[in-house]
Amino acid sequence: MSTNGMTSWAVDLKDVGAIYPFQGSEVLMVILAVVFWLGWHYLQLREEGAEIASEMKGNPEETKEAIDRY
């Protein structure tokens, strides 16, 4: 099964060019990965901030003492 039209590997690969799928779309994939990465961290920070805020609704001094203890 050939995805790049080659029938034999017995050729000089410098004349073949790129032999992997989606060639030329590396920049787009990197941009998408960075956007996903930054979005993930934004959502994580927002969720963790909300969780910490809900836990701080109790006795703030007790919570600070517990944090300082560890």
N, C-alpha and C. Protein backbone atom coordinates (compact mmCIF):
# COMPACT_ATOMS: atom_id res chain seq x y z
N MET A 1 0.84 -1.16 0.00
CA MET A 1 0.00 0.00 0.00
C MET A 1 0.89 1.24 0.00
N SER A 2 0.70 2.11 -0.94
CA SER A 2 1.52 3.30 -1.07
C SER A 2 0.65 4.55 -0.94
N THR A 3 1.04 5.43 -0.02
CA THR A 3 0.31 6.69 0.14
C THR A 3 0.97 7.84 -0.59
N ASN A 4 2.18 7.61 -1.13
CA ASN A 4 2.88 8.68 -1.81
C ASN A 4 3.20 8.36 -3.27
N GLY A 5 2.66 7.31 -3.79
CA GLY A 5 2.86 6.97 -5.19
C GLY A 5 4.13 6.19 -5.49
N MET A 6 4.93 5.87 -4.48
CA MET A 6 6.17 5.12 -4.71
C MET A 6 5.86 3.63 -4.76
N THR A 7 6.50 2.95 -5.66
CA THR A 7 6.32 1.51 -5.75
C THR A 7 7.55 0.77 -5.27
N SER A 8 8.69 1.46 -5.16
CA SER A 8 9.93 0.84 -4.73
C SER A 8 10.76 1.85 -3.95
N TRP A 9 11.43 1.37 -2.90
CA TRP A 9 12.30 2.22 -2.11
C TRP A 9 13.73 2.22 -2.66
N ALA A 10 13.96 1.54 -3.75
CA ALA A 10 15.29 1.44 -4.33
C ALA A 10 15.56 2.66 -5.22
N VAL A 11 15.40 3.87 -4.65
CA VAL A 11 15.66 5.12 -5.37
C VAL A 11 16.47 6.03 -4.46
N ASP A 12 17.02 7.08 -5.03
CA ASP A 12 17.74 8.07 -4.25
C ASP A 12 16.71 8.97 -3.57
N LEU A 13 16.65 8.93 -2.23
CA LEU A 13 15.60 9.63 -1.50
C LEU A 13 15.70 11.15 -1.59
N LYS A 14 16.87 11.68 -1.96
CA LYS A 14 16.96 13.14 -2.11
C LYS A 14 16.16 13.62 -3.31
N ASP A 15 15.89 12.73 -4.26
CA ASP A 15 15.07 13.10 -5.42
C ASP A 15 13.58 12.91 -5.16
N VAL A 16 13.23 12.23 -4.07
CA VAL A 16 11.84 11.91 -3.79
C VAL A 16 11.14 13.08 -3.09
N GLY A 17 11.80 13.71 -2.13
CA GLY A 17 11.18 14.77 -1.34
C GLY A 17 10.59 14.20 -0.07
N ALA A 18 9.63 14.89 0.48
CA ALA A 18 9.00 14.45 1.73
C ALA A 18 8.17 13.19 1.48
N ILE A 19 8.26 12.25 2.42
CA ILE A 19 7.58 10.97 2.23
C ILE A 19 6.57 10.68 3.33
N TYR A 20 6.14 11.73 4.03
CA TYR A 20 5.18 11.54 5.11
C TYR A 20 3.87 12.24 4.76
N PRO A 21 2.79 11.84 5.38
CA PRO A 21 1.49 12.46 5.07
C PRO A 21 1.40 13.88 5.63
N PHE A 22 0.51 14.66 5.08
CA PHE A 22 0.25 16.04 5.49
C PHE A 22 1.49 16.93 5.37
N GLN A 23 2.31 16.67 4.41
CA GLN A 23 3.50 17.49 4.24
C GLN A 23 3.11 18.91 3.83
N GLY A 24 3.78 19.86 4.47
CA GLY A 24 3.49 21.25 4.23
C GLY A 24 2.53 21.86 5.23
N SER A 25 1.95 21.04 6.10
CA SER A 25 0.99 21.57 7.08
C SER A 25 1.56 21.59 8.50
N GLU A 26 2.88 21.56 8.61
CA GLU A 26 3.51 21.53 9.93
C GLU A 26 3.25 22.81 10.70
N VAL A 27 3.31 23.96 10.02
CA VAL A 27 3.10 25.24 10.70
C VAL A 27 1.68 25.30 11.26
N LEU A 28 0.72 24.89 10.48
CA LEU A 28 -0.67 24.88 10.95
C LEU A 28 -0.82 23.97 12.17
N MET A 29 -0.20 22.81 12.14
CA MET A 29 -0.30 21.88 13.27
C MET A 29 0.35 22.46 14.52
N VAL A 30 1.48 23.16 14.37
CA VAL A 30 2.13 23.78 15.53
C VAL A 30 1.25 24.88 16.10
N ILE A 31 0.66 25.69 15.23
CA ILE A 31 -0.23 26.76 15.70
C ILE A 31 -1.42 26.16 16.45
N LEU A 32 -2.02 25.13 15.91
CA LEU A 32 -3.15 24.47 16.59
C LEU A 32 -2.72 23.88 17.93
N ALA A 33 -1.54 23.29 17.98
CA ALA A 33 -1.05 22.70 19.23
C ALA A 33 -0.82 23.78 20.28
N VAL A 34 -0.25 24.92 19.90
CA VAL A 34 -0.01 26.00 20.85
C VAL A 34 -1.33 26.58 21.35
N VAL A 35 -2.30 26.76 20.45
CA VAL A 35 -3.61 27.27 20.86
C VAL A 35 -4.28 26.29 21.83
N PHE A 36 -4.22 25.01 21.53
CA PHE A 36 -4.79 24.00 22.43
C PHE A 36 -4.10 24.03 23.79
N TRP A 37 -2.76 24.11 23.78
CA TRP A 37 -1.97 24.13 25.00
C TRP A 37 -2.33 25.33 25.87
N LEU A 38 -2.38 26.52 25.27
CA LEU A 38 -2.72 27.72 26.03
C LEU A 38 -4.16 27.67 26.53
N GLY A 39 -5.08 27.18 25.71
CA GLY A 39 -6.47 27.03 26.13
C GLY A 39 -6.61 26.07 27.29
N TRP A 40 -5.89 24.97 27.22
CA TRP A 40 -5.93 23.98 28.31
C TRP A 40 -5.48 24.61 29.62
N HIS A 41 -4.36 25.34 29.58
CA HIS A 41 -3.86 25.97 30.80
C HIS A 41 -4.82 27.04 31.31
N TYR A 42 -5.43 27.80 30.43
CA TYR A 42 -6.41 28.80 30.84
C TYR A 42 -7.59 28.14 31.56
N LEU A 43 -8.12 27.08 30.96
CA LEU A 43 -9.25 26.38 31.59
C LEU A 43 -8.86 25.76 32.93
N GLN A 44 -7.66 25.18 33.00
CA GLN A 44 -7.20 24.57 34.25
C GLN A 44 -7.07 25.62 35.34
N LEU A 45 -6.47 26.76 35.02
CA LEU A 45 -6.30 27.81 36.02
C LEU A 45 -7.66 28.34 36.49
N ARG A 46 -8.58 28.49 35.55
CA ARG A 46 -9.91 28.98 35.91
C ARG A 46 -10.64 28.00 36.83
N GLU A 47 -10.59 26.71 36.49
CA GLU A 47 -11.26 25.69 37.30
C GLU A 47 -10.61 25.55 38.68
N GLU A 48 -9.27 25.56 38.72
CA GLU A 48 -8.59 25.44 40.00
C GLU A 48 -8.84 26.67 40.86
N GLY A 49 -8.90 27.86 40.24
CA GLY A 49 -9.21 29.07 41.00
C GLY A 49 -10.60 29.01 41.60
N ALA A 50 -11.56 28.50 40.83
CA ALA A 50 -12.93 28.37 41.34
C ALA A 50 -12.98 27.35 42.48
N GLU A 51 -12.23 26.27 42.34
CA GLU A 51 -12.21 25.25 43.40
C GLU A 51 -11.59 25.81 44.68
N ILE A 52 -10.49 26.54 44.54
CA ILE A 52 -9.84 27.12 45.71
C ILE A 52 -10.76 28.15 46.36
N ALA A 53 -11.43 28.96 45.54
CA ALA A 53 -12.34 29.98 46.08
C ALA A 53 -13.48 29.33 46.85
N SER A 54 -14.00 28.22 46.33
CA SER A 54 -15.10 27.55 47.04
C SER A 54 -14.61 26.93 48.35
N GLU A 55 -13.37 26.48 48.38
CA GLU A 55 -12.83 25.91 49.62
C GLU A 55 -12.48 26.99 50.63
N MET A 56 -12.21 28.21 50.16
CA MET A 56 -11.85 29.30 51.06
C MET A 56 -13.08 29.93 51.71
N LYS A 57 -14.29 29.53 51.31
CA LYS A 57 -15.50 30.12 51.86
C LYS A 57 -15.71 29.75 53.32
N GLY A 58 -15.02 28.74 53.78
CA GLY A 58 -15.15 28.33 55.18
C GLY A 58 -14.46 29.34 56.08
N ASN A 59 -13.66 28.87 56.98
CA ASN A 59 -12.90 29.73 57.88
C ASN A 59 -11.58 30.09 57.21
N PRO A 60 -11.38 31.34 56.79
CA PRO A 60 -10.16 31.71 56.07
C PRO A 60 -8.90 31.50 56.89
N GLU A 61 -8.96 31.76 58.19
CA GLU A 61 -7.77 31.58 59.02
C GLU A 61 -7.39 30.10 59.12
N GLU A 62 -8.37 29.24 59.26
CA GLU A 62 -8.11 27.80 59.33
C GLU A 62 -7.50 27.31 58.02
N THR A 63 -8.02 27.81 56.92
CA THR A 63 -7.50 27.42 55.61
C THR A 63 -6.06 27.89 55.44
N LYS A 64 -5.77 29.13 55.82
CA LYS A 64 -4.39 29.65 55.72
C LYS A 64 -3.43 28.85 56.59
N GLU A 65 -3.88 28.48 57.77
CA GLU A 65 -3.04 27.67 58.65
C GLU A 65 -2.76 26.30 58.03
N ALA A 66 -3.77 25.71 57.41
CA ALA A 66 -3.57 24.41 56.78
C ALA A 66 -2.60 24.52 55.60
N ILE A 67 -2.70 25.59 54.85
CA ILE A 67 -1.77 25.80 53.72
C ILE A 67 -0.36 26.01 54.23
N ASP A 68 -0.20 26.84 55.27
CA ASP A 68 1.12 27.10 55.82
C ASP A 68 1.74 25.86 56.44
N ARG A 69 0.91 24.98 56.98
CA ARG A 69 1.40 23.75 57.60
C ARG A 69 2.10 22.86 56.58
N TYR A 70 1.64 22.90 55.33
CA TYR A 70 2.22 22.04 54.30
C TYR A 70 3.13 22.85 53.43
